[in-house]
N, C-alpha and C. Protein backbone atom coordinates (compact mmCIF):
# COMPACT_ATOMS: atom_id res chain seq x y z
N MET A 1 1.30 -1.17 -0.32
CA MET A 1 0.00 0.22 0.01
C MET A 1 0.80 0.91 -0.49
N SER A 2 0.94 2.32 -0.80
CA SER A 2 1.00 3.42 -0.83
C SER A 2 1.25 4.06 0.50
N GLU A 3 2.11 4.69 0.54
CA GLU A 3 2.32 5.73 1.59
C GLU A 3 1.63 6.91 1.62
N PHE A 4 1.57 7.07 0.11
CA PHE A 4 0.81 8.97 -0.44
C PHE A 4 -0.88 8.76 0.46
N ASN A 5 -1.30 9.70 0.41
CA ASN A 5 -3.10 9.33 0.88
C ASN A 5 -3.36 10.63 -0.10
N ARG A 6 -4.62 11.44 0.53
CA ARG A 6 -5.15 12.35 -0.11
C ARG A 6 -5.01 13.91 0.74
N ASP A 7 -4.19 13.70 1.49
CA ASP A 7 -3.92 14.67 2.12
C ASP A 7 -2.56 14.95 1.64
N THR A 8 -1.60 14.12 1.48
CA THR A 8 -0.62 14.31 0.85
C THR A 8 -0.12 15.42 0.43
N THR A 9 1.20 15.96 -0.22
CA THR A 9 1.34 17.24 -0.94
C THR A 9 2.17 16.79 -1.51
N THR A 10 2.15 17.62 -3.10
CA THR A 10 3.60 17.49 -3.76
C THR A 10 5.00 17.70 -3.30
N ASP A 11 5.08 18.54 -2.64
CA ASP A 11 6.10 18.65 -1.55
C ASP A 11 6.78 17.58 -1.52
N GLU A 12 5.78 16.67 -0.44
CA GLU A 12 6.08 15.25 0.38
C GLU A 12 6.03 14.69 -1.01
N VAL A 13 5.52 14.42 -1.81
CA VAL A 13 5.79 12.84 -2.73
C VAL A 13 7.31 13.36 -3.57
N LEU A 14 7.85 14.69 -3.90
CA LEU A 14 8.81 14.89 -4.33
C LEU A 14 10.29 15.23 -3.68
N VAL A 15 9.82 15.23 -2.30
CA VAL A 15 10.91 15.13 -1.00
C VAL A 15 12.22 14.46 -1.81
N ASP A 16 13.12 14.49 -1.76
CA ASP A 16 14.64 14.00 -1.72
C ASP A 16 15.04 14.16 -3.31
N LEU A 17 14.32 13.99 -4.44
CA LEU A 17 14.54 14.04 -5.81
C LEU A 17 15.18 15.69 -6.18
N ASP A 18 15.84 14.90 -7.48
CA ASP A 18 16.42 16.05 -7.75
C ASP A 18 16.03 15.83 -9.32
N LEU A 19 15.13 16.51 -9.87
CA LEU A 19 14.44 16.57 -11.06
C LEU A 19 15.43 17.18 -12.13
N THR A 20 16.62 17.92 -12.00
CA THR A 20 17.13 19.01 -13.00
C THR A 20 17.67 17.79 -14.09
N GLY A 21 17.67 18.59 -15.28
CA GLY A 21 17.97 17.91 -16.49
C GLY A 21 16.73 17.18 -16.80
N ARG A 22 15.40 17.63 -16.74
CA ARG A 22 14.16 16.90 -17.03
C ARG A 22 13.35 18.14 -17.40
N ARG A 23 12.90 17.58 -18.75
CA ARG A 23 11.59 19.05 -18.94
C ARG A 23 10.46 17.98 -18.81
N ILE A 24 9.51 18.79 -18.12
CA ILE A 24 8.28 18.40 -17.88
C ILE A 24 7.33 19.17 -18.22
N VAL A 25 6.06 18.60 -18.73
CA VAL A 25 4.74 19.55 -19.48
C VAL A 25 3.47 19.56 -18.33
N VAL A 26 3.34 20.43 -18.10
CA VAL A 26 2.26 20.70 -17.22
C VAL A 26 0.94 21.38 -17.89
N THR A 27 -0.03 20.37 -18.33
CA THR A 27 -1.45 20.78 -18.35
C THR A 27 -2.11 21.92 -17.52
N GLY A 28 -2.88 22.68 -17.43
CA GLY A 28 -4.44 23.22 -16.79
C GLY A 28 -2.61 23.80 -16.01
N ALA A 29 -1.70 24.69 -16.08
CA ALA A 29 -1.10 25.14 -15.32
C ALA A 29 -1.31 26.31 -15.18
N ALA A 30 -2.33 27.14 -15.81
CA ALA A 30 -2.97 28.34 -15.21
C ALA A 30 -3.38 28.24 -13.60
N SER A 31 -3.67 27.32 -13.27
CA SER A 31 -4.66 27.29 -12.15
C SER A 31 -5.02 25.96 -11.25
N GLY A 32 -4.92 26.12 -9.89
CA GLY A 32 -5.25 24.60 -9.22
C GLY A 32 -3.99 23.56 -9.51
N LEU A 33 -4.89 22.75 -9.69
CA LEU A 33 -3.75 21.58 -9.23
C LEU A 33 -2.42 21.80 -10.35
N GLY A 34 -2.99 22.05 -11.36
CA GLY A 34 -1.80 22.54 -12.47
C GLY A 34 -0.55 23.24 -12.24
N PHE A 35 -1.55 24.46 -11.67
CA PHE A 35 -0.18 25.55 -10.94
C PHE A 35 0.86 24.67 -10.14
N GLU A 36 0.10 24.56 -9.05
CA GLU A 36 0.72 23.59 -7.84
C GLU A 36 1.92 22.40 -8.32
N SER A 37 1.43 21.56 -9.61
CA SER A 37 2.12 20.56 -9.68
C SER A 37 3.34 21.42 -10.67
N SER A 38 3.25 22.30 -11.41
CA SER A 38 4.59 23.22 -11.77
C SER A 38 5.18 23.69 -10.72
N ARG A 39 4.68 24.16 -9.78
CA ARG A 39 5.43 25.08 -8.67
C ARG A 39 6.59 23.97 -7.97
N ALA A 40 5.91 22.58 -7.61
CA ALA A 40 6.72 22.08 -7.14
C ALA A 40 8.12 21.38 -7.36
N LEU A 41 7.38 20.81 -9.27
CA LEU A 41 7.76 20.46 -10.01
C LEU A 41 9.42 21.27 -10.16
N ALA A 42 8.98 22.64 -10.31
CA ALA A 42 10.23 23.69 -11.29
C ALA A 42 11.06 24.01 -9.36
N SER A 43 10.67 23.48 -8.31
CA SER A 43 11.28 23.71 -7.11
C SER A 43 12.04 22.62 -6.44
N HIS A 44 11.66 21.67 -7.32
CA HIS A 44 13.09 20.50 -7.55
C HIS A 44 13.50 20.89 -8.95
N GLY A 45 13.84 21.35 -9.35
CA GLY A 45 14.48 21.27 -10.73
C GLY A 45 14.12 21.37 -11.24
N ALA A 46 13.21 20.68 -12.24
CA ALA A 46 12.54 20.28 -13.49
C ALA A 46 12.68 22.00 -14.15
N SER A 47 12.94 21.64 -15.28
CA SER A 47 12.13 22.36 -16.28
C SER A 47 11.11 22.47 -16.51
N VAL A 48 9.98 23.29 -16.66
CA VAL A 48 8.54 23.07 -16.87
C VAL A 48 7.98 23.94 -17.74
N THR A 49 7.43 23.53 -18.44
CA THR A 49 6.12 23.93 -19.48
C THR A 49 5.42 24.40 -19.15
N MET A 50 4.60 25.01 -19.08
CA MET A 50 3.49 25.40 -17.99
C MET A 50 2.01 25.64 -19.62
N LEU A 51 1.41 24.76 -19.51
CA LEU A 51 0.48 25.30 -20.47
C LEU A 51 -1.17 25.69 -20.56
N ALA A 52 -1.78 26.37 -20.95
CA ALA A 52 -2.91 27.09 -20.33
C ALA A 52 -3.42 26.80 -22.08
N ARG A 53 -4.73 27.20 -22.18
CA ARG A 53 -5.48 27.50 -23.12
C ARG A 53 -5.44 28.88 -24.02
N SER A 54 -5.18 29.89 -23.50
CA SER A 54 -4.49 30.67 -24.14
C SER A 54 -2.98 31.62 -23.52
N ARG A 55 -3.07 32.48 -24.57
CA ARG A 55 -1.18 32.95 -24.55
C ARG A 55 -1.50 33.64 -22.93
N GLU A 56 -1.80 34.58 -22.24
CA GLU A 56 -2.76 35.46 -21.70
C GLU A 56 -2.87 34.69 -20.49
N ARG A 57 -3.06 33.24 -19.81
CA ARG A 57 -3.34 32.55 -19.26
C ARG A 57 -2.29 32.20 -18.91
N ALA A 58 -1.63 31.50 -19.78
CA ALA A 58 0.59 31.01 -19.42
C ALA A 58 0.73 31.69 -19.54
N ASP A 59 1.22 32.79 -19.75
CA ASP A 59 1.81 33.73 -19.54
C ASP A 59 2.11 34.47 -17.86
N ASP A 60 0.55 34.57 -17.62
CA ASP A 60 0.29 34.97 -16.53
C ASP A 60 0.81 34.03 -14.98
N ALA A 61 0.67 32.87 -15.41
CA ALA A 61 1.40 31.97 -14.57
C ALA A 61 2.22 31.81 -14.35
N VAL A 62 3.18 31.67 -15.52
CA VAL A 62 4.62 31.42 -15.27
C VAL A 62 4.96 32.75 -15.02
N SER A 63 4.25 34.10 -15.18
CA SER A 63 4.93 35.39 -14.42
C SER A 63 4.90 34.92 -12.64
N ARG A 64 3.28 34.76 -12.36
CA ARG A 64 3.33 34.35 -11.23
C ARG A 64 4.41 33.60 -10.07
N LEU A 65 4.59 32.69 -10.99
CA LEU A 65 5.47 31.27 -10.46
C LEU A 65 6.95 31.73 -10.84
N ARG A 66 7.21 32.75 -11.30
CA ARG A 66 8.54 33.37 -11.35
C ARG A 66 8.77 34.23 -9.94
N ASP A 67 7.43 34.47 -9.63
CA ASP A 67 7.62 35.32 -8.37
C ASP A 67 8.38 34.77 -7.12
N LEU A 68 7.42 33.65 -7.29
CA LEU A 68 8.16 32.26 -6.39
C LEU A 68 9.12 31.71 -6.39
N LEU A 69 9.64 31.75 -7.88
CA LEU A 69 10.52 30.62 -7.79
C LEU A 69 11.50 31.69 -8.88
N PRO A 70 12.42 32.19 -8.68
CA PRO A 70 12.86 33.11 -9.78
C PRO A 70 13.89 32.79 -10.69
N THR A 71 14.63 31.64 -10.30
CA THR A 71 15.55 30.76 -10.96
C THR A 71 15.34 29.27 -11.44
N ALA A 72 13.67 29.92 -11.06
CA ALA A 72 13.03 28.09 -12.04
C ALA A 72 13.07 28.71 -13.57
N ARG A 73 13.55 27.42 -14.19
CA ARG A 73 13.58 27.16 -16.26
C ARG A 73 11.85 26.85 -16.22
N LEU A 74 11.46 28.12 -16.92
CA LEU A 74 9.66 27.79 -17.08
C LEU A 74 9.52 28.37 -18.50
N GLU A 75 8.46 27.74 -19.27
CA GLU A 75 8.07 28.23 -20.84
C GLU A 75 6.70 28.11 -20.42
N ALA A 76 5.87 28.72 -20.85
CA ALA A 76 4.22 29.02 -20.98
C ALA A 76 4.53 28.60 -22.55
N GLY A 77 2.80 27.86 -23.18
CA GLY A 77 2.68 27.56 -24.01
C GLY A 77 0.96 27.10 -23.77
N VAL A 78 0.83 27.32 -25.48
CA VAL A 78 -0.86 27.33 -25.61
C VAL A 78 -1.17 26.40 -25.46
N VAL A 79 -2.39 25.51 -25.30
CA VAL A 79 -2.94 24.45 -26.25
C VAL A 79 -4.25 24.03 -25.29
N ASP A 80 -5.36 23.69 -26.04
CA ASP A 80 -6.62 23.07 -26.15
C ASP A 80 -6.46 22.20 -26.34
N LEU A 81 -7.04 21.19 -25.29
CA LEU A 81 -6.86 19.79 -25.24
C LEU A 81 -7.90 19.60 -25.74
N SER A 82 -8.97 19.77 -26.01
CA SER A 82 -10.47 19.53 -27.02
C SER A 82 -10.34 19.65 -28.33
N ASP A 83 -9.42 20.58 -28.75
CA ASP A 83 -8.57 20.89 -30.39
C ASP A 83 -7.70 20.14 -30.65
N LEU A 84 -7.42 19.26 -31.17
CA LEU A 84 -6.27 18.62 -32.13
C LEU A 84 -5.23 19.18 -32.68
N SER A 85 -5.85 20.25 -33.57
CA SER A 85 -4.86 20.66 -34.24
C SER A 85 -3.83 21.54 -33.24
N SER A 86 -4.56 22.24 -31.89
CA SER A 86 -4.04 22.93 -31.07
C SER A 86 -2.80 22.46 -30.48
N VAL A 87 -2.83 21.12 -30.34
CA VAL A 87 -2.03 19.68 -29.69
C VAL A 87 -0.97 19.32 -30.71
N ASP A 88 -1.18 19.78 -32.16
CA ASP A 88 -0.16 19.48 -33.21
C ASP A 88 0.42 20.84 -33.47
N ARG A 89 -0.25 21.85 -33.20
CA ARG A 89 0.73 23.27 -33.97
C ARG A 89 1.50 23.00 -32.58
N PHE A 90 1.59 23.27 -30.88
CA PHE A 90 2.06 23.03 -29.82
C PHE A 90 3.30 22.15 -29.94
N ALA A 91 2.91 20.61 -30.37
CA ALA A 91 3.97 19.49 -31.26
C ALA A 91 4.86 19.77 -31.72
N GLU A 92 4.25 20.67 -32.63
CA GLU A 92 5.67 20.90 -34.06
C GLU A 92 6.45 22.05 -33.50
N HIS A 93 6.19 23.12 -32.18
CA HIS A 93 6.72 24.43 -32.09
C HIS A 93 8.43 23.60 -31.55
């Protein structure tokens, strides 16, 4: 049985992990769990591409996270997962 449960935080899951050199893409990163996941992953050294449905929301999320983690390696991306052509455009980037 897992040592994690519904009260486990992202930082508890990632404790002692060094994600330096890893590129992670997070969907829904403009708010909620996506933003928190991006924060936790970046704080453990990952380069994080934060995806949202609009450029404004993605850029805002990156800006807010940079305020918390000034040295984080972050990139904003735009993808609407309900539109496969949007996914294709991002993947070709």
